[in-house]
Amino acid sequence: MLHAPSRFGRRRTLQGGVASAVVLGLLLWWVLPVGQEEPSGSLTFSTGVRSGVYQRYGQRLEGALAKGMPKVSIQLRTSEGSQENLERVATGKADFTIATADAVATYLQARKPGAERLRGCVRLYDDYVQLIVPRDSKIRTVADLRGKRVGVGQKGSGVLLVADRLMKAAGVDPTADVTPVHAGIDTMPQRLTEGRLDAFFWSGGLPTASVQDLSETYAIRLVPLDEPLITELQAVGGSTRYYRSAVMPADAYPDAQQGEAVRTVAVSNMLVTTDRTDPLTTEAFTRTVIDSRDRIGREVHSAQLVDLRTAIYTDPLPLHEGARRYYRSAKP
């Protein structure tokens, strides 16, 4: 004969089921990152001219982002450099980019479209201005460029910005006193070896592969940018305050420098986005940049100089809230 379970028995069964569910829920909460979202969707990263440091860095970072942000599809777009990069990000044509601090300040001061939306994520490595000539050239200073054919970078580049300013600081009109050639680091070395350029400017991390390759196959020299010239450059004010005196170590380009350090101008690079990018995505992107420093640095040496202690200083841009979250979480 079957008996219906007592109310007490049913209550114990029900309570036991609830307890089991609670325990199971706690176990799942412990094992699985419930509520911890991952960024998803697609992003465009504007890099730089082919064979330049921005492009090489972007290619390596793309692989790191695929691991650090597996649900996000990353598209790289080459560009002419910092000025074009900023225009793309500010106007929504790209989501992240790299640009020099002087180019950022110039974009902000000119109040170009979308300038107020720009935000910083990471202070990266420094660019060093490099004025390159054949070793037997009579060009010894920037003033000696008068009457010469000079590679000044592409029209949307940060190279053009600093090249024009340096020539003006030396009393050289960048349009009337020289024949400016708007070309990138992908073609300027060959133009120099073929005699189609007398000199060219480049601004990039050390060493830049294209310059290093050139120095190993063709006799070149780096023209010093001495302190008086830098003082004159900084005296202009505004965005020129982001330039500082620096020294390229003798082993940056051993074949070109032949054991001598070279005085020059340096300016910092930064990772840039806008307030359109959500904090979750920006936090993950920032974390990946910092975490991948050593791995990328084995191939792109300037990436080794990304330093967590200084990465937060993105002047002249305010720090993006997502990047701020990362730095708070990364405190020792």
Protein backbone atom coordinates (compact mmCIF):
# COMPACT_ATOMS: atom_id res chain seq x y z
CA MET A 1 0.00 0.00 0.00
CA LEU A 2 1.42 3.40 -1.07
CA HIS A 3 1.28 6.34 1.25
CA ALA A 4 1.46 9.99 0.16
CA PRO A 5 4.59 11.69 1.52
CA SER A 6 4.03 13.82 4.56
CA ARG A 7 4.18 17.62 4.35
CA PHE A 8 7.33 17.43 6.46
CA GLY A 9 8.94 15.07 3.97
CA ARG A 10 7.94 17.27 1.03
CA ARG A 11 9.36 20.32 2.80
CA ARG A 12 12.70 18.56 3.45
CA THR A 13 12.87 17.52 -0.21
CA LEU A 14 12.13 21.06 -1.38
CA GLN A 15 14.67 22.59 1.01
CA GLY A 16 17.29 20.08 -0.07
CA GLY A 17 16.70 21.01 -3.71
CA VAL A 18 17.03 24.72 -2.99
CA ALA A 19 20.24 24.14 -1.01
CA SER A 20 21.72 22.11 -3.86
CA ALA A 21 20.85 24.83 -6.34
CA VAL A 22 22.49 27.47 -4.15
CA VAL A 23 25.64 25.39 -3.78
CA LEU A 24 25.72 24.73 -7.52
CA GLY A 25 25.24 28.43 -8.21
CA LEU A 26 28.10 29.34 -5.88
CA LEU A 27 30.34 26.79 -7.57
CA LEU A 28 29.50 28.17 -11.00
CA TRP A 29 30.10 31.72 -9.76
CA TRP A 30 33.51 30.62 -8.43
CA VAL A 31 34.54 28.70 -11.55
CA LEU A 32 33.02 30.89 -14.27
CA PRO A 33 33.44 34.70 -14.58
CA VAL A 34 29.69 35.32 -14.49
CA GLY A 35 28.84 38.92 -15.31
CA GLN A 36 32.32 39.58 -16.63
CA GLU A 37 31.73 40.89 -20.11
CA GLU A 38 34.09 40.67 -23.04
CA PRO A 39 34.24 43.30 -25.78
CA SER A 40 32.90 42.18 -29.13
CA GLY A 41 32.30 43.56 -32.61
CA SER A 42 34.81 45.08 -35.00
CA LEU A 43 37.43 47.83 -34.77
CA THR A 44 39.54 49.74 -37.26
CA PHE A 45 43.12 50.59 -36.30
CA SER A 46 44.76 53.28 -38.45
CA THR A 47 48.52 52.66 -38.55
CA GLY A 48 50.98 54.39 -40.89
CA VAL A 49 53.01 54.19 -44.07
CA ARG A 50 54.09 50.73 -45.21
CA SER A 51 57.40 49.65 -43.67
CA GLY A 52 57.19 52.44 -41.07
CA VAL A 53 57.19 51.77 -37.32
CA TYR A 54 53.46 52.47 -36.89
CA GLN A 55 52.59 49.86 -39.51
CA ARG A 56 55.00 47.24 -38.19
CA TYR A 57 53.80 47.84 -34.63
CA GLY A 58 50.17 47.60 -35.74
CA GLN A 59 50.75 44.28 -37.48
CA ARG A 60 52.27 42.75 -34.36
CA LEU A 61 49.62 44.28 -32.12
CA GLU A 62 46.90 42.78 -34.31
CA GLY A 63 48.03 39.29 -33.29
CA ALA A 64 48.11 40.24 -29.61
CA LEU A 65 44.62 41.74 -29.84
CA ALA A 66 43.30 38.54 -31.42
CA LYS A 67 44.29 36.74 -28.20
CA GLY A 68 43.43 39.48 -25.74
CA MET A 69 40.11 40.43 -27.38
CA PRO A 70 39.02 37.20 -29.16
CA LYS A 71 35.50 38.40 -29.88
CA VAL A 72 36.68 41.56 -31.65
CA SER A 73 37.60 41.67 -35.32
CA ILE A 74 40.49 44.08 -35.98
CA GLN A 75 41.04 45.78 -39.35
CA LEU A 76 44.33 47.59 -39.99
CA ARG A 77 44.44 50.57 -42.35
CA THR A 78 47.68 52.07 -43.58
CA SER A 79 47.91 55.87 -43.58
CA GLU A 80 50.25 58.75 -44.32
CA GLY A 81 50.94 59.18 -40.61
CA SER A 82 49.91 61.09 -37.50
CA GLN A 83 47.90 63.90 -39.09
CA GLU A 84 45.79 61.59 -41.24
CA ASN A 85 45.44 59.16 -38.32
CA LEU A 86 43.96 61.83 -36.08
CA GLU A 87 41.52 62.99 -38.74
CA ARG A 88 40.31 59.42 -39.24
CA VAL A 89 39.73 58.72 -35.57
CA ALA A 90 38.24 62.12 -34.75
CA THR A 91 35.70 61.83 -37.57
CA GLY A 92 34.77 58.19 -36.92
CA LYS A 93 36.64 56.60 -39.85
CA ALA A 94 38.80 54.60 -37.43
CA ASP A 95 38.51 53.60 -33.77
CA PHE A 96 42.12 53.59 -32.56
CA THR A 97 45.39 54.97 -33.87
CA ILE A 98 48.89 56.15 -32.97
CA ALA A 99 49.97 59.79 -33.26
CA THR A 100 52.72 62.05 -32.00
CA ALA A 101 51.99 64.52 -29.20
CA ASP A 102 52.86 67.54 -31.39
CA ALA A 103 50.42 66.40 -34.07
CA VAL A 104 47.71 65.90 -31.44
CA ALA A 105 48.30 69.36 -29.99
CA THR A 106 48.22 70.92 -33.47
CA TYR A 107 44.92 69.15 -34.25
CA LEU A 108 43.40 70.39 -31.00
CA GLN A 109 44.63 73.97 -31.41
CA ALA A 110 43.24 74.14 -34.95
CA ARG A 111 39.87 72.90 -33.61
CA LYS A 112 39.60 70.48 -36.47
CA PRO A 113 36.48 68.28 -36.83
CA GLY A 114 35.98 65.99 -33.84
CA ALA A 115 38.97 67.36 -31.91
CA GLU A 116 36.96 67.62 -28.70
CA ARG A 117 36.16 63.89 -28.85
CA LEU A 118 39.78 62.68 -28.88
CA ARG A 119 41.00 60.72 -25.86
CA GLY A 120 44.35 59.22 -24.89
CA CYS A 121 44.94 55.61 -23.83
CA VAL A 122 48.68 54.96 -23.60
CA ARG A 123 51.82 57.01 -23.89
CA LEU A 124 53.92 54.70 -26.04
CA TYR A 125 57.51 55.20 -27.20
CA ASP A 126 59.39 58.27 -28.47
CA ASP A 127 59.95 59.21 -32.09
CA TYR A 128 63.40 60.55 -33.01
CA VAL A 129 63.75 62.99 -35.90
CA GLN A 130 66.30 61.69 -38.40
CA LEU A 131 67.76 63.83 -41.19
CA ILE A 132 69.51 61.45 -43.56
CA VAL A 133 71.99 62.31 -46.32
CA PRO A 134 74.59 60.41 -48.37
CA ARG A 135 77.82 60.07 -46.38
CA ASP A 136 79.79 62.24 -48.81
CA SER A 137 77.13 64.99 -48.84
CA LYS A 138 78.12 68.58 -48.03
CA ILE A 139 74.94 68.98 -45.97
CA ARG A 140 76.04 69.37 -42.36
CA THR A 141 73.15 71.38 -40.89
CA VAL A 142 69.48 71.99 -41.63
CA ALA A 143 70.45 75.39 -43.07
CA ASP A 144 72.50 73.58 -45.73
CA LEU A 145 69.26 72.19 -47.23
CA ARG A 146 68.72 75.39 -49.24
CA GLY A 147 68.48 74.58 -52.92
CA LYS A 148 68.21 70.83 -52.25
CA ARG A 149 65.60 68.18 -53.01
CA VAL A 150 64.33 67.15 -49.61
CA GLY A 151 62.01 64.30 -48.66
CA VAL A 152 59.63 65.76 -46.09
CA GLY A 153 57.13 62.96 -45.54
CA GLN A 154 53.64 62.54 -46.91
CA LYS A 155 51.09 65.33 -46.59
CA GLY A 156 49.19 63.62 -43.78
CA SER A 157 52.28 62.71 -41.79
CA GLY A 158 53.82 63.91 -38.56
CA VAL A 159 57.16 63.91 -40.40
CA LEU A 160 56.00 66.81 -42.57
CA LEU A 161 54.89 68.74 -39.50
CA VAL A 162 58.25 68.55 -37.74
CA ALA A 163 60.34 68.84 -40.94
CA ASP A 164 58.67 72.14 -41.88
CA ARG A 165 59.12 73.47 -38.35
CA LEU A 166 62.79 72.51 -38.20
CA MET A 167 63.53 74.18 -41.52
CA LYS A 168 61.74 77.35 -40.45
CA ALA A 169 63.70 77.33 -37.18
CA ALA A 170 66.90 77.17 -39.26
CA GLY A 171 65.77 80.10 -41.44
CA VAL A 172 64.88 77.88 -44.40
CA ASP A 173 61.54 78.38 -46.15
CA PRO A 174 60.19 74.82 -46.57
CA THR A 175 58.43 75.67 -49.83
CA ALA A 176 60.60 78.36 -51.46
CA ASP A 177 64.14 77.48 -50.36
CA VAL A 178 63.99 73.73 -50.99
CA THR A 179 62.25 71.40 -53.41
CA PRO A 180 59.99 69.47 -51.06
CA VAL A 181 59.24 65.88 -52.02
CA HIS A 182 56.15 64.44 -50.34
CA ALA A 183 57.05 60.78 -49.91
CA GLY A 184 57.08 58.22 -47.12
CA ILE A 185 59.72 56.00 -45.60
CA ASP A 186 58.64 53.26 -48.01
CA THR A 187 60.12 55.16 -50.98
CA MET A 188 62.51 57.85 -49.67
CA PRO A 189 65.50 55.52 -49.15
CA GLN A 190 65.39 54.33 -52.75
CA ARG A 191 64.99 57.88 -54.02
CA LEU A 192 68.12 58.84 -52.09
CA THR A 193 70.19 55.98 -53.51
CA GLU A 194 69.02 56.81 -57.04
CA GLY A 195 70.02 60.46 -56.68
CA ARG A 196 66.46 61.75 -56.80
CA LEU A 197 66.76 63.17 -53.26
CA ASP A 198 69.60 65.04 -51.61
CA ALA A 199 68.27 64.41 -48.11
CA PHE A 200 65.18 63.21 -46.33
CA PHE A 201 63.53 63.65 -42.95
CA TRP A 202 62.09 60.78 -40.97
CA SER A 203 60.55 60.68 -37.52
CA GLY A 204 60.22 57.27 -35.91
CA GLY A 205 61.29 54.86 -33.23
CA LEU A 206 64.84 53.55 -33.05
CA PRO A 207 65.88 51.79 -35.07
CA THR A 208 63.50 52.18 -38.01
CA ALA A 209 63.93 49.08 -40.17
CA SER A 210 63.94 50.96 -43.49
CA VAL A 211 66.69 53.30 -42.34
CA GLN A 212 68.67 50.43 -40.89
CA ASP A 213 68.40 48.47 -44.15
CA LEU A 214 69.49 51.56 -46.10
CA SER A 215 72.51 52.09 -43.84
CA GLU A 216 73.66 48.51 -44.45
CA THR A 217 73.56 48.79 -48.23
CA TYR A 218 74.36 52.46 -48.91
CA ALA A 219 76.73 54.90 -47.20
CA ILE A 220 74.60 57.41 -45.30
CA ARG A 221 75.07 59.90 -42.48
CA LEU A 222 72.73 61.41 -39.88
CA VAL A 223 72.80 65.22 -39.70
CA PRO A 224 72.85 66.49 -36.08
CA LEU A 225 70.00 68.71 -34.88
CA ASP A 226 71.88 70.75 -32.29
CA GLU A 227 70.68 72.57 -29.19
CA PRO A 228 70.45 76.11 -30.69
CA LEU A 229 68.12 74.80 -33.41
CA ILE A 230 65.95 73.01 -30.86
CA THR A 231 65.78 76.13 -28.70
CA GLU A 232 64.61 78.10 -31.75
CA LEU A 233 62.06 75.39 -32.52
CA GLN A 234 60.60 75.39 -29.02
CA ALA A 235 60.47 79.20 -28.94
CA VAL A 236 57.55 79.14 -31.39
CA GLY A 237 55.36 77.92 -28.53
CA GLY A 238 52.08 76.04 -28.67
CA SER A 239 52.48 72.48 -29.87
CA THR A 240 56.25 72.85 -30.25
CA ARG A 241 56.60 72.48 -26.48
CA TYR A 242 56.23 68.75 -27.02
CA TYR A 243 59.62 68.60 -28.75
CA ARG A 244 62.67 68.02 -26.61
CA SER A 245 66.38 67.62 -27.08
CA ALA A 246 67.54 64.01 -27.31
CA VAL A 247 70.47 61.88 -28.40
CA MET A 248 70.39 58.94 -30.77
CA PRO A 249 72.76 56.38 -29.25
CA ALA A 250 75.78 55.37 -31.32
CA ASP A 251 74.41 51.86 -31.83
CA ALA A 252 71.04 52.93 -33.26
CA TYR A 253 72.44 52.70 -36.80
CA PRO A 254 76.04 51.48 -36.38
CA ASP A 255 76.92 51.62 -40.09
CA ALA A 256 75.66 55.17 -40.46
CA GLN A 257 76.88 56.61 -37.16
CA GLN A 258 80.26 54.89 -37.05
CA GLY A 259 80.46 54.97 -33.28
CA GLU A 260 79.13 58.50 -32.75
CA ALA A 261 75.95 59.54 -30.93
CA VAL A 262 73.85 62.11 -32.78
CA ARG A 263 71.90 65.00 -31.22
CA THR A 264 68.32 65.31 -32.38
CA VAL A 265 64.71 66.09 -31.47
CA ALA A 266 62.34 63.61 -29.82
CA VAL A 267 58.56 63.62 -29.40
CA SER A 268 56.33 61.07 -27.70
CA ASN A 269 53.75 58.85 -29.39
CA MET A 270 50.41 57.90 -27.92
CA LEU A 271 47.56 55.50 -28.53
CA VAL A 272 44.47 57.56 -29.34
CA THR A 273 40.74 56.86 -29.50
CA THR A 274 37.59 58.93 -28.90
CA ASP A 275 34.80 59.14 -26.36
CA ARG A 276 32.71 57.07 -28.81
CA THR A 277 34.65 53.94 -27.88
CA ASP A 278 33.08 52.16 -24.91
CA PRO A 279 35.11 51.77 -21.69
CA LEU A 280 35.09 47.95 -21.80
CA THR A 281 36.73 47.88 -25.24
CA THR A 282 39.22 50.62 -24.38
CA GLU A 283 40.21 48.91 -21.13
CA ALA A 284 40.86 45.62 -22.95
CA PHE A 285 42.76 47.36 -25.76
CA THR A 286 44.93 49.24 -23.27
CA ARG A 287 45.65 46.06 -21.29
CA THR A 288 46.71 44.24 -24.46
CA VAL A 289 49.09 47.03 -25.46
CA ILE A 290 50.83 46.91 -22.07
CA ASP A 291 50.83 43.11 -21.75
CA SER A 292 52.24 42.57 -25.26
CA ARG A 293 55.12 45.03 -24.85
CA ASP A 294 57.94 42.53 -24.47
CA ARG A 295 56.64 40.12 -27.11
CA ILE A 296 56.20 42.83 -29.74
CA GLY A 297 59.43 44.51 -28.63
CA ARG A 298 61.46 41.53 -29.79
CA GLU A 299 60.57 42.50 -33.37
CA VAL A 300 59.75 46.21 -33.09
CA HIS A 301 62.39 47.44 -30.66
CA SER A 302 60.75 50.76 -29.81
CA ALA A 303 57.77 48.87 -28.33
CA GLN A 304 60.05 47.77 -25.46
CA LEU A 305 60.02 51.38 -24.24
CA VAL A 306 56.33 51.34 -23.33
CA ASP A 307 56.40 51.82 -19.56
CA LEU A 308 53.43 51.31 -17.25
CA ARG A 309 54.75 54.05 -14.95
CA THR A 310 54.52 56.71 -17.67
CA ALA A 311 51.85 55.21 -19.96
CA ILE A 312 49.09 57.09 -18.15
CA TYR A 313 50.47 60.52 -19.13
CA THR A 314 48.67 61.25 -22.41
CA ASP A 315 48.98 65.05 -22.41
CA PRO A 316 47.57 66.95 -24.33
CA LEU A 317 44.63 64.51 -24.38
CA PRO A 318 42.43 63.59 -21.42
CA LEU A 319 42.64 59.92 -20.49
CA HIS A 320 39.80 57.71 -21.73
CA GLU A 321 37.69 56.29 -18.89
CA GLY A 322 38.36 52.71 -20.05
CA ALA A 323 42.11 53.29 -19.95
CA ARG A 324 41.74 54.84 -16.50
CA ARG A 325 39.99 51.66 -15.31
CA TYR A 326 42.88 49.58 -16.56
CA TYR A 327 45.53 51.68 -14.78
CA ARG A 328 43.56 51.47 -11.53
CA SER A 329 43.40 47.69 -11.81
CA ALA A 330 47.09 47.45 -12.72
CA LYS A 331 48.34 49.25 -9.61
CA PRO A 332 50.75 47.02 -7.64
